[in-house]
């Protein structure tokens, strides 16, 4: 028994050095020093939600198809191991809420958003929804991964003790609009994403009648990759395309 415990203790002792060694191999040995997007052959693995993919990453990938034709992208949905994946070098970049990143890795702010309530355009709520109606309505909510991670709005509602009748659970923000169409359900999601779906589906985008925290999206990468020119190019693309997002997208029509 003592021998097993000693072996376990030794393995735990070596965990950090081994992780650092693997990161060194991934970032300093297998990654080219020079990076020319027009000729480079590389696939970036990015952890991001379907929301971030639609409002930001899809445009970057379209731009890259013309200006960086040999660059590939793998989008990985967020999960409980998100931070660990970044620290182990299993992902090149994380795009997430500012409140979700670690303090010991480089970070850059990208764009802001606010929460919106959505409903079917034929719903009883389409003319507007007050706080009492919001509480009384049937809701559709999104969760993420096998661990059923809550969205930031759902975490906020839970922390505030705001109880609602949840009628539908879906595993992505993408599914929320169709979960309300043809019903009197409502859902809470990011306004930029809600506006996107309102151009495709018969949904109405309304202010949430409860004050919710702002949405601040950031990008983060491992400090060991600070000199990686490919990461620098990717971060520059994120910043440039974030600047192109409509500045008035977070305002509701009066």
Protein backbone atom coordinates (compact mmCIF):
# COMPACT_ATOMS: atom_id res chain seq x y z
CA UNK A 1 0.00 0.00 0.00
CA UNK A 2 2.82 2.38 0.92
CA UNK A 3 4.43 1.70 -2.46
CA UNK A 4 1.22 2.54 -4.32
CA UNK A 5 0.75 5.73 -2.34
CA UNK A 6 4.35 6.74 -3.06
CA UNK A 7 3.85 6.08 -6.78
CA UNK A 8 0.69 8.18 -6.82
CA UNK A 9 2.43 10.99 -4.96
CA UNK A 10 5.34 10.87 -7.43
CA UNK A 11 2.98 10.94 -10.40
CA UNK A 12 1.23 13.99 -8.96
CA UNK A 13 4.60 15.62 -8.36
CA UNK A 14 5.58 15.07 -11.99
CA UNK A 15 2.25 16.21 -13.47
CA UNK A 16 3.17 19.89 -13.80
CA UNK A 17 6.72 19.32 -15.20
CA UNK A 18 5.36 16.83 -17.74
CA UNK A 19 2.61 19.23 -18.77
CA UNK A 20 5.17 22.03 -19.18
CA UNK A 21 7.42 19.76 -21.24
CA UNK A 22 4.54 18.83 -23.55
CA UNK A 23 3.65 22.48 -23.94
CA UNK A 24 7.26 23.27 -24.84
CA UNK A 25 7.22 20.57 -27.51
CA UNK A 26 3.95 21.84 -28.97
CA UNK A 27 4.85 25.53 -28.96
CA UNK A 28 8.60 25.74 -29.45
CA UNK A 29 9.60 22.63 -31.36
CA UNK A 30 6.70 21.65 -33.62
CA UNK A 31 5.50 25.23 -34.40
CA UNK A 32 7.43 27.08 -37.15
CA UNK A 33 9.10 30.34 -36.10
CA UNK A 34 7.96 32.18 -39.22
CA UNK A 35 4.33 32.51 -40.30
CA UNK A 36 3.11 33.83 -43.65
CA UNK A 37 -0.68 33.44 -43.81
CA UNK A 38 -0.67 33.38 -47.62
CA UNK A 39 1.49 30.23 -47.72
CA UNK A 40 1.35 28.70 -44.22
CA UNK A 41 -0.23 25.26 -43.77
CA UNK A 42 -1.72 25.02 -40.32
CA UNK A 43 -4.97 24.22 -38.53
CA UNK A 44 -6.02 26.35 -35.56
CA UNK A 45 -8.10 24.76 -32.83
CA UNK A 46 -10.40 27.34 -31.25
CA UNK A 47 -12.71 26.83 -28.28
CA UNK A 48 -15.85 28.89 -28.89
CA UNK A 49 -19.64 28.72 -28.66
CA UNK A 50 -21.98 28.59 -31.64
CA UNK A 51 -22.81 32.24 -30.85
CA UNK A 52 -19.19 33.38 -31.20
CA UNK A 53 -18.81 31.26 -34.33
CA UNK A 54 -21.78 32.92 -36.03
CA UNK A 55 -21.19 36.56 -35.10
CA UNK A 56 -17.38 36.55 -35.43
CA UNK A 57 -15.49 33.41 -36.45
CA UNK A 58 -17.47 32.64 -39.61
CA UNK A 59 -16.37 35.95 -41.15
CA UNK A 60 -12.74 35.31 -40.20
CA UNK A 61 -12.87 31.88 -41.82
CA UNK A 62 -14.36 33.37 -45.00
CA UNK A 63 -11.57 35.98 -45.06
CA UNK A 64 -8.96 33.27 -44.50
CA UNK A 65 -10.31 31.20 -47.40
CA UNK A 66 -9.16 33.99 -49.72
CA UNK A 67 -6.09 35.39 -47.96
CA UNK A 68 -4.82 32.31 -46.10
CA UNK A 69 -6.01 29.41 -48.29
CA UNK A 70 -4.01 26.69 -46.55
CA UNK A 71 -5.15 27.61 -43.05
CA UNK A 72 -7.73 25.32 -41.45
CA UNK A 73 -9.94 25.79 -38.41
CA UNK A 74 -11.39 23.38 -35.87
CA UNK A 75 -14.06 24.84 -33.60
CA UNK A 76 -14.47 23.06 -30.27
CA UNK A 77 -17.51 23.81 -28.05
CA UNK A 78 -16.81 24.97 -24.47
CA UNK A 79 -16.96 22.37 -21.69
CA UNK A 80 -15.69 21.79 -18.15
CA UNK A 81 -12.15 21.07 -19.43
CA UNK A 82 -11.92 24.30 -21.43
CA UNK A 83 -9.21 25.95 -19.31
CA UNK A 84 -7.31 22.69 -18.99
CA UNK A 85 -7.34 22.23 -22.77
CA UNK A 86 -5.73 25.65 -23.21
CA UNK A 87 -3.11 25.03 -20.52
CA UNK A 88 -2.21 21.63 -21.99
CA UNK A 89 -1.81 23.07 -25.46
CA UNK A 90 -4.76 21.05 -26.78
CA UNK A 91 -6.31 24.27 -28.11
CA UNK A 92 -4.69 27.31 -29.69
CA UNK A 93 -7.21 29.89 -28.57
CA UNK A 94 -10.20 30.33 -26.29
CA UNK A 95 -12.94 32.84 -27.04
CA UNK A 96 -15.28 33.21 -24.10
CA UNK A 97 -16.74 35.56 -21.53
CA UNK A 98 -14.30 37.76 -19.65
CA UNK A 99 -15.49 36.30 -16.35
CA UNK A 100 -14.56 32.76 -17.46
CA UNK A 101 -10.87 33.22 -18.31
CA UNK A 102 -7.92 32.66 -15.97
CA UNK A 103 -5.84 35.60 -14.77
CA UNK A 104 -2.42 34.09 -15.56
CA UNK A 105 -2.72 33.89 -19.35
CA UNK A 106 -2.68 36.66 -22.01
CA UNK A 107 -6.11 38.04 -22.88
CA UNK A 108 -7.51 40.59 -25.32
CA UNK A 109 -11.00 42.11 -25.28
CA UNK A 110 -13.05 41.62 -28.45
CA UNK A 111 -16.64 42.90 -28.29
CA UNK A 112 -19.60 43.53 -26.00
CA UNK A 113 -23.22 42.45 -26.12
CA UNK A 114 -26.36 42.46 -24.00
CA UNK A 115 -29.02 39.87 -23.25
CA UNK A 116 -32.31 39.86 -25.13
CA UNK A 117 -35.58 38.00 -24.80
CA UNK A 118 -36.92 36.31 -27.92
CA UNK A 119 -40.39 35.07 -28.73
CA UNK A 120 -42.37 33.96 -31.77
CA UNK A 121 -43.69 36.95 -33.74
CA UNK A 122 -47.20 35.50 -33.36
CA UNK A 123 -46.83 35.08 -29.62
CA UNK A 124 -48.83 36.90 -26.97
CA UNK A 125 -45.48 38.39 -25.87
CA UNK A 126 -44.48 39.90 -29.24
CA UNK A 127 -45.70 43.38 -28.26
CA UNK A 128 -43.42 43.45 -25.21
CA UNK A 129 -42.89 41.61 -21.96
CA UNK A 130 -42.76 42.96 -18.43
CA UNK A 131 -41.17 41.32 -15.41
CA UNK A 132 -44.35 39.61 -14.24
CA UNK A 133 -44.97 38.10 -17.69
CA UNK A 134 -41.33 37.04 -17.90
CA UNK A 135 -41.64 35.11 -14.65
CA UNK A 136 -44.96 33.56 -15.64
CA UNK A 137 -44.00 32.51 -19.18
CA UNK A 138 -42.77 29.11 -20.30
CA UNK A 139 -39.06 29.25 -21.18
CA UNK A 140 -36.56 27.50 -23.43
CA UNK A 141 -32.95 27.46 -22.21
CA UNK A 142 -29.59 26.29 -23.53
CA UNK A 143 -26.99 24.14 -21.78
CA UNK A 144 -23.55 22.93 -22.91
CA UNK A 145 -21.76 19.60 -22.96
CA UNK A 146 -22.36 16.36 -21.06
CA UNK A 147 -22.04 18.27 -17.78
CA UNK A 148 -24.95 20.52 -18.84
CA UNK A 149 -23.03 23.74 -18.18
CA UNK A 150 -25.35 26.74 -17.77
CA UNK A 151 -25.20 29.82 -19.96
CA UNK A 152 -24.19 33.03 -18.22
CA UNK A 153 -27.81 34.24 -18.20
CA UNK A 154 -29.01 31.02 -16.59
CA UNK A 155 -26.24 31.22 -13.99
CA UNK A 156 -27.31 34.78 -13.24
CA UNK A 157 -30.97 33.85 -12.86
CA UNK A 158 -30.01 30.97 -10.55
CA UNK A 159 -27.81 33.22 -8.40
CA UNK A 160 -30.62 35.77 -8.11
CA UNK A 161 -33.13 33.08 -7.16
CA UNK A 162 -35.25 33.85 -10.22
CA UNK A 163 -37.42 30.82 -10.84
CA UNK A 164 -39.18 30.18 -14.16
CA UNK A 165 -41.07 27.35 -15.77
CA UNK A 166 -38.52 25.78 -18.15
CA UNK A 167 -40.36 23.76 -20.78
CA UNK A 168 -37.54 23.05 -23.26
CA UNK A 169 -33.80 22.42 -22.81
CA UNK A 170 -31.52 22.50 -25.88
CA UNK A 171 -27.73 21.90 -26.17
CA UNK A 172 -26.83 25.14 -28.01
CA UNK A 173 -27.90 28.75 -28.47
CA UNK A 174 -28.62 27.93 -32.13
CA UNK A 175 -31.63 25.84 -31.18
CA UNK A 176 -33.33 28.47 -29.00
CA UNK A 177 -35.12 30.44 -31.77
CA UNK A 178 -36.88 27.39 -33.19
CA UNK A 179 -37.77 26.32 -29.66
CA UNK A 180 -40.00 29.40 -29.36
CA UNK A 181 -41.44 29.61 -32.91
CA UNK A 182 -45.10 28.61 -33.01
CA UNK A 183 -45.45 28.84 -29.22
CA UNK A 184 -45.78 31.38 -26.41
CA UNK A 185 -42.41 30.35 -24.98
CA UNK A 186 -39.63 32.87 -24.55
CA UNK A 187 -35.87 32.42 -24.39
CA UNK A 188 -32.96 34.58 -23.28
CA UNK A 189 -29.90 34.89 -25.52
CA UNK A 190 -27.30 37.37 -26.79
CA UNK A 191 -28.82 40.27 -28.72
CA UNK A 192 -26.39 40.08 -31.63
CA UNK A 193 -27.29 36.43 -32.09
CA UNK A 194 -31.00 37.11 -31.60
CA UNK A 195 -30.90 39.79 -34.31
CA UNK A 196 -29.19 37.32 -36.64
CA UNK A 197 -31.97 34.77 -36.18
CA UNK A 198 -34.68 37.43 -36.48
CA UNK A 199 -33.56 37.93 -40.08
CA UNK A 200 -34.21 34.23 -40.78
CA UNK A 201 -37.08 33.17 -38.53
CA UNK A 202 -40.34 34.83 -37.39
CA UNK A 203 -39.08 35.88 -33.96
CA UNK A 204 -39.28 39.18 -32.10
CA UNK A 205 -36.31 40.50 -30.12
CA UNK A 206 -37.20 42.28 -26.87
CA UNK A 207 -35.32 43.72 -23.88
CA UNK A 208 -35.10 41.37 -20.90
CA UNK A 209 -37.30 43.02 -18.25
CA UNK A 210 -34.73 42.15 -15.57
CA UNK A 211 -31.35 43.85 -15.40
CA UNK A 212 -28.73 41.32 -16.49
CA UNK A 213 -24.93 41.58 -16.55
CA UNK A 214 -23.27 42.76 -19.79
CA UNK A 215 -21.63 40.22 -22.10
CA UNK A 216 -17.91 40.89 -22.60
CA UNK A 217 -16.23 38.49 -25.05
CA UNK A 218 -12.45 38.04 -24.91
CA UNK A 219 -9.79 35.84 -26.49
CA UNK A 220 -7.14 34.03 -24.45
CA UNK A 221 -4.11 31.94 -25.33
CA UNK A 222 -1.28 30.28 -23.40
CA UNK A 223 1.60 32.55 -22.36
CA UNK A 224 4.03 30.04 -23.89
CA UNK A 225 2.58 30.96 -27.29
CA UNK A 226 3.24 34.69 -27.01
CA UNK A 227 5.97 34.44 -29.66
CA UNK A 228 3.94 32.20 -31.95
CA UNK A 229 3.42 34.34 -35.06
CA UNK A 230 0.49 32.19 -36.14
CA UNK A 231 -1.34 32.92 -32.88
CA UNK A 232 -0.49 36.60 -33.28
CA UNK A 233 -2.04 36.60 -36.77
CA UNK A 234 -5.15 34.85 -35.49
CA UNK A 235 -5.56 37.28 -32.59
CA UNK A 236 -5.12 40.21 -34.99
CA UNK A 237 -7.90 38.77 -37.15
CA UNK A 238 -10.17 38.52 -34.13
CA UNK A 239 -9.50 42.11 -33.13
CA UNK A 240 -9.96 43.46 -36.67
CA UNK A 241 -13.22 41.63 -37.31
CA UNK A 242 -14.51 42.53 -33.84
CA UNK A 243 -14.07 46.20 -34.75
CA UNK A 244 -16.28 45.63 -37.78
CA UNK A 245 -19.23 44.43 -35.69
CA UNK A 246 -22.08 46.94 -35.71
CA UNK A 247 -21.66 49.34 -32.81
CA UNK A 248 -25.42 49.82 -32.47
CA UNK A 249 -26.25 46.11 -32.30
CA UNK A 250 -26.77 46.28 -28.55
CA UNK A 251 -29.47 48.97 -28.80
CA UNK A 252 -33.17 48.05 -28.88
CA UNK A 253 -35.54 49.77 -31.26
CA UNK A 254 -37.91 52.16 -29.53
